[in-house]
Protein backbone atom coordinates (compact mmCIF):
# COMPACT_ATOMS: atom_id res chain seq x y z
CA MET A 1 116.22 59.32 105.92
CA ASN A 2 113.73 61.05 108.19
CA LYS A 3 112.70 64.15 106.24
CA PRO A 4 111.75 67.30 108.19
CA LEU A 5 108.08 68.12 108.44
CA ALA A 6 108.52 71.23 106.27
CA GLN A 7 109.71 69.04 103.41
CA LYS A 8 106.84 66.57 103.83
CA LEU A 9 104.36 69.45 103.71
CA ALA A 10 105.78 70.89 100.49
CA PRO A 11 102.96 71.51 97.98
CA LYS A 12 102.47 68.83 95.33
CA THR A 13 100.40 71.10 93.07
CA LEU A 14 99.80 74.84 92.71
CA ASN A 15 96.46 74.36 94.45
CA ASP A 16 98.39 73.40 97.60
CA VAL A 17 100.53 76.54 97.62
CA ILE A 18 99.88 78.95 100.50
CA GLY A 19 99.84 82.65 99.67
CA GLN A 20 101.04 84.24 96.39
CA LYS A 21 97.48 85.02 95.30
CA HIS A 22 98.82 87.50 92.72
CA LEU A 23 100.39 84.58 90.82
CA ILE A 24 98.33 81.54 91.80
CA GLY A 25 94.55 81.14 91.76
CA GLU A 26 91.68 81.71 89.41
CA ASP A 27 92.79 83.56 86.26
CA GLN A 28 96.29 84.20 87.67
CA ILE A 29 99.33 83.85 85.44
CA LEU A 30 101.05 80.74 86.84
CA THR A 31 97.75 78.90 87.19
CA ASN A 32 96.84 79.75 83.60
CA LEU A 33 100.24 78.61 82.33
CA VAL A 34 99.67 75.23 83.95
CA LYS A 35 96.08 75.10 82.68
CA ASN A 36 97.32 75.80 79.13
CA LYS A 37 100.18 73.30 79.57
CA LYS A 38 102.77 75.87 78.56
CA LEU A 39 105.93 76.82 80.44
CA PHE A 40 108.41 79.63 79.80
CA SER A 41 111.78 80.27 81.43
CA MET A 42 111.27 82.27 84.60
CA ILE A 43 112.97 83.54 87.71
CA LEU A 44 111.15 83.38 91.05
CA TYR A 45 112.57 85.83 93.56
CA GLY A 46 111.74 86.77 97.12
CA LYS A 47 112.70 86.27 100.75
CA PRO A 48 113.46 82.86 102.29
CA GLY A 49 110.60 80.59 103.30
CA ILE A 50 107.91 82.05 101.04
CA GLY A 51 107.63 79.20 98.55
CA LYS A 52 110.02 79.57 95.62
CA THR A 53 111.09 75.93 95.58
CA SER A 54 107.57 74.76 96.40
CA ILE A 55 106.10 76.65 93.46
CA ALA A 56 108.77 75.37 91.08
CA ASN A 57 108.14 71.77 92.12
CA ALA A 58 104.36 72.25 92.02
CA ILE A 59 104.52 73.54 88.44
CA ILE A 60 106.58 70.52 87.39
CA ASN A 61 104.19 68.12 89.11
CA ASP A 62 101.14 69.77 87.57
CA LEU A 63 102.63 69.64 84.08
CA GLY A 64 104.27 66.23 84.49
CA MET A 65 107.45 67.51 82.87
CA ARG A 66 110.93 65.99 83.00
CA TYR A 67 113.23 68.12 85.14
CA ARG A 68 116.53 68.34 86.96
CA PHE A 69 117.42 70.38 90.05
CA LEU A 70 120.79 72.18 90.36
CA ASN A 71 122.27 74.74 92.70
CA ALA A 72 124.32 77.46 90.96
CA THR A 73 126.81 77.52 93.83
CA ILE A 74 127.32 73.80 94.44
CA ASN A 75 126.89 72.12 91.06
CA THR A 76 129.68 72.19 88.49
CA LYS A 77 129.91 72.74 84.73
CA HIS A 78 130.01 68.97 84.38
CA ASP A 79 126.65 68.70 86.15
CA LEU A 80 125.23 71.26 83.73
CA ASP A 81 126.66 69.38 80.76
CA ILE A 82 124.87 66.21 81.91
CA VAL A 83 121.56 68.10 82.09
CA ILE A 84 122.10 69.44 78.55
CA GLU A 85 122.85 65.97 77.18
CA GLU A 86 119.71 64.64 78.85
CA ALA A 87 117.73 67.52 77.35
CA LYS A 88 119.01 66.55 73.89
CA MET A 89 118.05 62.94 74.50
CA TYR A 90 114.47 63.81 75.48
CA ASP A 91 114.08 66.88 73.25
CA GLY A 92 113.89 69.30 76.16
CA ILE A 93 114.02 69.46 79.93
CA VAL A 94 113.16 71.87 82.73
CA LEU A 95 116.11 72.99 84.83
CA ILE A 96 115.23 74.22 88.31
CA MET A 97 118.23 76.19 89.56
CA ASP A 98 118.53 77.54 93.08
CA GLU A 99 120.67 80.60 93.84
CA ILE A 100 120.61 81.54 90.17
CA HIS A 101 122.27 84.88 91.00
CA ARG A 102 125.48 82.97 91.78
CA LEU A 103 125.77 81.41 88.33
CA ASN A 104 129.32 82.17 87.15
CA LYS A 105 130.31 83.20 83.63
CA ASP A 106 131.52 79.75 82.56
CA LYS A 107 128.18 78.16 83.43
CA GLN A 108 126.30 81.07 81.85
CA ASP A 109 128.18 80.56 78.58
CA ILE A 110 127.07 76.91 78.57
CA LEU A 111 123.47 77.62 79.53
CA LEU A 112 122.61 80.66 77.41
CA PRO A 113 122.52 78.93 73.97
CA GLN A 114 120.29 76.19 75.40
CA LEU A 115 117.83 78.78 76.75
CA GLU A 116 117.93 80.57 73.43
CA SER A 117 117.10 77.41 71.50
CA GLY A 118 114.43 76.33 73.97
CA LEU A 119 116.17 73.03 74.67
CA ILE A 120 116.24 73.99 78.36
CA THR A 121 113.43 75.80 80.16
CA LEU A 122 114.81 77.46 83.26
CA ILE A 123 113.09 78.05 86.57
CA GLY A 124 115.61 80.10 88.54
CA MET A 125 115.22 80.95 92.21
CA THR A 126 116.91 83.64 94.24
CA THR A 127 116.54 85.77 97.36
CA SER A 128 118.33 88.62 95.59
CA ASN A 129 116.82 91.29 93.40
CA PRO A 130 117.27 89.90 89.85
CA TYR A 131 117.40 93.38 88.36
CA HIS A 132 120.65 93.94 90.28
CA ALA A 133 122.09 90.49 90.92
CA ILE A 134 121.43 88.42 87.80
CA ASN A 135 123.37 88.65 84.56
CA PRO A 136 121.32 90.66 82.02
CA ALA A 137 121.80 87.97 79.37
CA ILE A 138 120.10 85.40 81.63
CA ARG A 139 117.51 87.87 82.85
CA SER A 140 116.44 88.91 79.35
CA ARG A 141 115.55 85.31 78.52
CA CYS A 142 113.32 84.85 81.55
CA GLN A 143 110.08 86.21 82.94
CA LEU A 144 110.57 87.63 86.42
CA PHE A 145 108.03 86.86 89.13
CA GLU A 146 108.34 88.40 92.58
CA LEU A 147 106.94 86.35 95.45
CA LYS A 148 105.33 88.43 98.16
CA GLN A 149 106.03 88.02 101.86
CA LEU A 150 103.51 85.76 103.55
CA GLU A 151 101.15 87.33 106.04
CA THR A 152 100.56 86.00 109.56
CA ASP A 153 97.19 84.60 108.40
CA ASP A 154 99.00 82.64 105.66
CA ILE A 155 101.36 81.15 108.24
CA ILE A 156 98.41 80.23 110.46
CA THR A 157 96.73 78.52 107.51
CA GLY A 158 99.87 76.48 106.91
CA LEU A 159 100.21 75.53 110.58
CA LYS A 160 96.59 74.39 110.82
CA LYS A 161 97.21 72.16 107.82
CA ALA A 162 100.47 70.90 109.38
CA ILE A 163 98.85 69.74 112.64
CA THR A 164 96.74 67.26 110.67
CA HIS A 165 99.85 65.52 109.31
CA PRO A 166 100.33 61.89 110.48
CA ASP A 167 103.79 62.73 111.85
CA LEU A 168 102.13 64.89 114.52
CA LYS A 169 99.85 62.17 115.81
CA ASP A 170 97.82 63.07 118.94
CA ILE A 171 99.12 66.65 118.94
CA LYS A 172 97.35 68.98 121.35
CA ILE A 173 97.56 72.66 120.44
CA ASN A 174 95.16 75.61 120.50
CA ASP A 175 94.71 78.65 118.27
CA GLU A 176 96.58 80.95 120.66
CA VAL A 177 99.71 78.79 120.44
CA ILE A 178 99.40 78.52 116.66
CA THR A 179 99.21 82.31 116.44
CA LEU A 180 102.30 82.67 118.64
CA ILE A 181 104.28 80.29 116.41
CA ALA A 182 103.13 82.24 113.36
CA LYS A 183 104.28 85.54 114.88
CA LEU A 184 107.62 84.08 115.96
CA SER A 185 108.22 82.80 112.43
CA GLY A 186 108.85 86.22 110.97
CA ASN A 187 106.61 85.35 107.98
CA ASP A 188 108.80 82.35 107.12
CA LEU A 189 106.54 79.31 106.66
CA ARG A 190 109.43 76.84 106.69
CA TYR A 191 110.64 78.26 110.01
CA ALA A 192 107.09 77.99 111.41
CA TYR A 193 106.90 74.31 110.43
CA ASN A 194 110.31 73.64 111.99
CA LEU A 195 109.34 75.39 115.23
CA LEU A 196 106.08 73.41 115.38
CA GLU A 197 107.91 70.12 114.83
CA ILE A 198 110.57 70.86 117.47
CA ALA A 199 107.87 71.88 119.96
CA TYR A 200 105.98 68.63 119.29
CA TYR A 201 108.98 66.35 119.80
CA SER A 202 110.25 68.26 122.84
CA THR A 203 107.16 67.30 124.84
CA ASP A 204 106.31 63.99 126.47
CA ASP A 205 102.53 64.44 126.31
CA LYS A 206 102.24 65.92 122.77
CA GLU A 207 100.69 69.09 124.20
CA ILE A 208 102.23 72.30 122.89
CA THR A 209 101.70 75.29 125.18
CA LEU A 210 102.67 78.95 125.01
CA GLU A 211 105.31 78.36 127.68
CA LYS A 212 106.90 75.48 125.80
CA VAL A 213 107.07 77.45 122.55
CA ARG A 214 108.61 80.43 124.31
CA LYS A 215 111.26 78.21 125.88
CA ILE A 216 112.33 77.18 122.38
CA ASN A 217 112.22 80.65 120.87
CA ASN A 218 110.86 83.87 122.28
CA LYS A 219 112.46 86.18 119.71
CA PRO A 220 110.65 86.85 116.44
CA VAL A 221 112.63 86.06 113.32
CA PHE A 222 112.72 88.56 110.49
CA PHE A 223 114.68 88.75 107.28
CA SER A 224 117.84 90.77 107.86
CA ASP A 225 120.39 89.38 105.43
CA LYS A 226 123.14 92.00 105.24
CA ASP A 227 123.66 91.23 101.55
CA GLY A 228 120.01 90.92 100.64
CA ASP A 229 117.06 93.11 99.79
CA GLY A 230 115.42 92.71 103.21
CA HIS A 231 118.35 94.46 104.84
CA TYR A 232 118.23 97.40 102.46
CA ASP A 233 114.44 97.56 102.69
CA CYS A 234 114.80 98.03 106.44
CA LEU A 235 117.43 100.77 106.08
CA SER A 236 115.27 102.50 103.47
CA GLY A 237 112.26 102.26 105.77
CA LEU A 238 114.29 103.83 108.57
CA GLN A 239 115.49 106.79 106.50
CA LYS A 240 112.13 107.50 104.90
CA SER A 241 110.38 107.30 108.27
CA ILE A 242 112.80 109.77 109.89
CA ARG A 243 112.59 112.02 106.81
CA GLY A 244 108.81 111.85 107.08
CA SER A 245 108.91 112.69 110.81
CA ASP A 246 107.10 109.46 111.79
CA ILE A 247 108.62 108.69 115.16
CA ASP A 248 106.85 105.36 115.61
CA ALA A 249 107.93 103.95 112.25
CA SER A 250 111.46 105.32 112.81
CA LEU A 251 111.73 103.50 116.13
CA HIS A 252 110.32 100.32 114.58
CA TYR A 253 112.92 100.08 111.81
CA ALA A 254 115.75 101.06 114.14
CA ALA A 255 114.58 98.34 116.54
CA ARG A 256 114.71 95.77 113.71
CA LEU A 257 118.34 96.63 113.08
CA VAL A 258 119.16 96.55 116.79
CA ALA A 259 117.38 93.18 117.13
CA SER A 260 119.58 91.80 114.34
CA GLU A 261 122.58 93.40 116.12
CA ASP A 262 123.54 95.22 112.92
CA LEU A 263 124.66 98.40 114.67
CA GLU A 264 127.25 99.22 112.03
CA SER A 265 124.66 99.62 109.27
CA LEU A 266 122.31 101.49 111.61
CA PHE A 267 124.96 104.02 112.64
CA ARG A 268 126.15 104.51 109.06
CA ARG A 269 122.62 105.20 107.82
CA LEU A 270 121.79 107.52 110.74
CA SER A 271 124.93 109.52 109.92
CA VAL A 272 123.71 109.96 106.36
CA ILE A 273 120.23 110.99 107.53
CA ALA A 274 121.65 113.56 109.95
CA TYR A 275 123.21 115.52 107.09
CA GLU A 276 121.01 114.58 104.13
CA ASP A 277 117.57 115.03 105.69
CA ILE A 278 118.03 117.21 108.78
CA GLY A 279 121.02 119.28 107.76
CA LEU A 280 120.91 123.00 108.41
CA ALA A 281 117.49 122.84 110.05
CA ASN A 282 119.27 121.36 113.08
CA PRO A 283 123.08 121.40 112.61
CA ALA A 284 123.58 120.18 116.19
CA ILE A 285 122.15 116.78 115.28
CA GLY A 286 125.44 115.58 113.77
CA PRO A 287 127.49 116.00 116.96
CA ARG A 288 124.56 114.72 119.04
CA LEU A 289 124.37 111.61 116.87
CA ASP A 290 128.13 111.05 117.24
CA ALA A 291 127.75 111.28 121.01
CA ALA A 292 124.89 108.77 120.97
CA ILE A 293 126.88 106.37 118.77
CA ASN A 294 129.89 106.62 121.10
CA ALA A 295 127.67 105.97 124.12
CA ALA A 296 126.03 102.97 122.43
CA LEU A 297 129.40 101.47 121.51
CA ARG A 298 130.76 102.13 124.99
CA VAL A 299 127.94 100.35 126.84
CA GLY A 300 127.19 97.69 124.19
CA LEU A 301 123.97 95.74 123.84
CA PRO A 302 121.45 95.52 125.37
CA GLU A 303 121.96 98.95 127.00
CA ALA A 304 122.95 100.45 123.62
CA ARG A 305 119.26 100.52 122.76
CA ILE A 306 118.82 103.46 125.19
CA PRO A 307 121.00 106.09 123.44
CA ILE A 308 119.93 104.66 120.07
CA GLY A 309 116.24 105.01 120.85
CA THR A 310 116.77 108.53 122.18
CA ILE A 311 118.67 109.82 119.14
CA VAL A 312 116.32 108.15 116.63
CA ALA A 313 113.34 109.77 118.34
CA GLU A 314 115.08 113.15 118.32
CA MET A 315 115.97 112.82 114.63
CA ALA A 316 112.41 111.87 113.71
CA LEU A 317 111.00 114.91 115.54
CA SER A 318 113.71 117.32 114.35
CA PRO A 319 112.94 119.96 111.70
CA LYS A 320 114.16 118.82 108.28
CA SER A 321 116.15 120.51 105.52
CA ASN A 322 118.01 119.13 102.50
CA THR A 323 119.12 122.50 101.14
CA ALA A 324 122.85 122.16 101.89
CA HIS A 325 123.42 118.84 100.17
CA ILE A 326 121.13 119.81 97.27
CA ALA A 327 123.23 122.95 96.81
CA PHE A 328 126.43 120.94 96.97
CA ASP A 329 125.10 118.42 94.45
CA ALA A 330 124.31 121.28 92.10
CA ALA A 331 127.89 122.55 92.46
CA LEU A 332 129.24 119.05 91.77
CA ASP A 333 126.99 118.81 88.73
CA ASP A 334 128.59 121.96 87.31
CA ILE A 335 132.05 120.51 87.93
CA GLU A 336 131.18 117.21 86.25
CA LYS A 337 129.79 119.05 83.22
CA GLY A 338 132.95 121.17 82.93
CA ASN A 339 131.07 124.32 83.87
CA VAL A 340 133.85 125.78 86.03
CA GLY A 341 135.66 128.83 84.70
CA THR A 342 138.86 130.44 85.91
CA ILE A 343 139.34 131.27 89.58
CA PRO A 344 139.38 135.08 89.94
CA SER A 345 142.92 136.41 90.16
CA HIS A 346 142.27 138.51 93.26
CA ILE A 347 141.55 135.44 95.44
CA LYS A 348 144.57 133.48 94.26
CA PRO A 349 147.47 133.08 96.72
CA ASP A 350 149.45 136.24 97.52
CA SER A 351 147.26 138.49 95.34
CA PRO A 352 147.67 142.19 96.30
CA ASP A 353 144.09 142.86 95.16
CA TYR A 354 142.44 140.59 97.69
CA LYS A 355 140.24 142.37 100.23
CA TYR A 356 140.60 140.84 103.69
CA PRO A 357 137.04 140.71 105.13
CA HIS A 358 138.20 141.05 108.76
CA ASP A 359 139.50 144.52 107.93
CA TYR A 360 135.98 145.70 107.16
CA LYS A 361 132.88 146.42 109.23
CA GLY A 362 130.94 143.28 110.05
CA ALA A 363 133.79 141.19 108.59
CA PHE A 364 132.23 141.61 105.14
CA VAL A 365 133.35 143.29 101.97
CA LYS A 366 131.80 143.02 98.55
CA GLN A 367 134.02 141.17 96.09
CA GLN A 368 133.65 138.37 93.53
CA TYR A 369 134.56 134.84 94.55
CA LEU A 370 133.00 132.68 91.84
CA PRO A 371 134.59 132.50 88.37
CA ASP A 372 133.21 134.96 85.80
CA LYS A 373 131.42 132.11 84.08
CA LEU A 374 129.42 131.39 87.25
CA LYS A 375 129.42 134.76 89.01
CA ASN A 376 125.63 134.99 89.26
CA LYS A 377 125.09 131.32 90.12
CA LYS A 378 122.90 130.56 93.16
CA TYR A 379 123.30 127.01 94.43
CA TYR A 380 121.85 127.51 97.90
CA GLN A 381 118.11 128.04 98.38
CA PRO A 382 117.40 128.39 102.12
CA LYS A 383 114.30 127.04 103.86
CA ASP A 384 112.35 128.86 106.52
CA VAL A 385 112.56 126.00 109.03
CA GLY A 386 114.30 125.27 112.34
CA TYR A 387 117.76 126.76 112.81
CA GLU A 388 117.94 127.39 109.07
CA LYS A 389 115.42 130.18 109.56
CA GLN A 390 118.22 132.10 111.30
CA ILE A 391 120.67 131.17 108.57
CA LYS A 392 118.18 132.43 105.97
CA GLU A 393 118.06 135.83 107.66
CA ILE A 394 121.86 136.08 107.55
CA TYR A 395 121.89 134.86 103.93
CA GLU A 396 119.32 137.46 102.83
CA LYS A 397 121.22 140.23 104.63
CA LEU A 398 124.45 139.27 102.85
CA GLU A 399 122.68 139.08 99.48
CA LYS A 400 121.31 142.58 100.06
CA LEU A 401 124.83 143.87 100.81
CA LYS A 402 126.12 142.26 97.61
CA ARG A 403 123.51 144.10 95.56
CA GLN A 404 124.37 147.51 97.01
């Protein structure tokens, strides 16, 4: 079988691993574990293509330990039973398990006692956040190590090593092309290796040029798994950038979501932002956002980027206020704590004691609306910003009338 270049370039030892300097290198934890010839159960988590499998295999190679590799999705309970029997035969084994977050309860029940006894040492791997996605019983028996996203310089380092591989004999490539491949990889080293290999074999003279690489792929790849952390990181970056009034960052994260064609998530999050972060400072933003969403859906991509870019820019530059939803949350908190009281009798249906505000000057008449238990409660605290400045003036005028 002709293995892909990425597989042939997989690190044999920790010294070969690219990146992850917070875990690997002089006086770093994984390096010291290998140096001290001691291994504990662990979970390696992070985005695709950053070296989880490579690090697991490198640790095993460095320690010379017996191991088996399983995938939590594909392999069965029977496969796990075989590993356990082998562990008993050799008084221990290392189990490298990919997609550990997908381990079902039946397999967990088989594995947990073996982890507890130390018969099996687990190296689990996942792209999901283990604090959310992995069973607490498994998680509590493992050390958790987050792998950081590789930088462009890391990818370039890997590519420069790759072009010396015998499979790429007589390759002709310059630093500018290597940098382009690194940028197109979206910080995924495996993708960078694959793109390099395809570019090499798609030429007849072994010369890789900018034009040839762009013909293969001219669209940067980035992690946008709708069920993974990268997706939620991007949405969080969008909301916090708009909330922080950084128009450039806001446009960047919105562009990521548009590039991945995930308009549904983008529109849903923008709708939240319109009311959570802008709110009464610019109440018109909600209807304006709806209009932009309708326009984007009507014209479709790629033209949808035009109304999207416009509304994101407007939201980033809009005055901000969270007073309305904070006030509402405070009211909900009272309800959830049972702090409610009885509705005043004069505002119940058909009460003869109710004073109809429209019958009074300025459509206002002083009367109690909150239950006695909460009659002096103030949920709303206005801000002196944007349109809310006008609302604050009205609010203060009404409060003054109530006190008279």
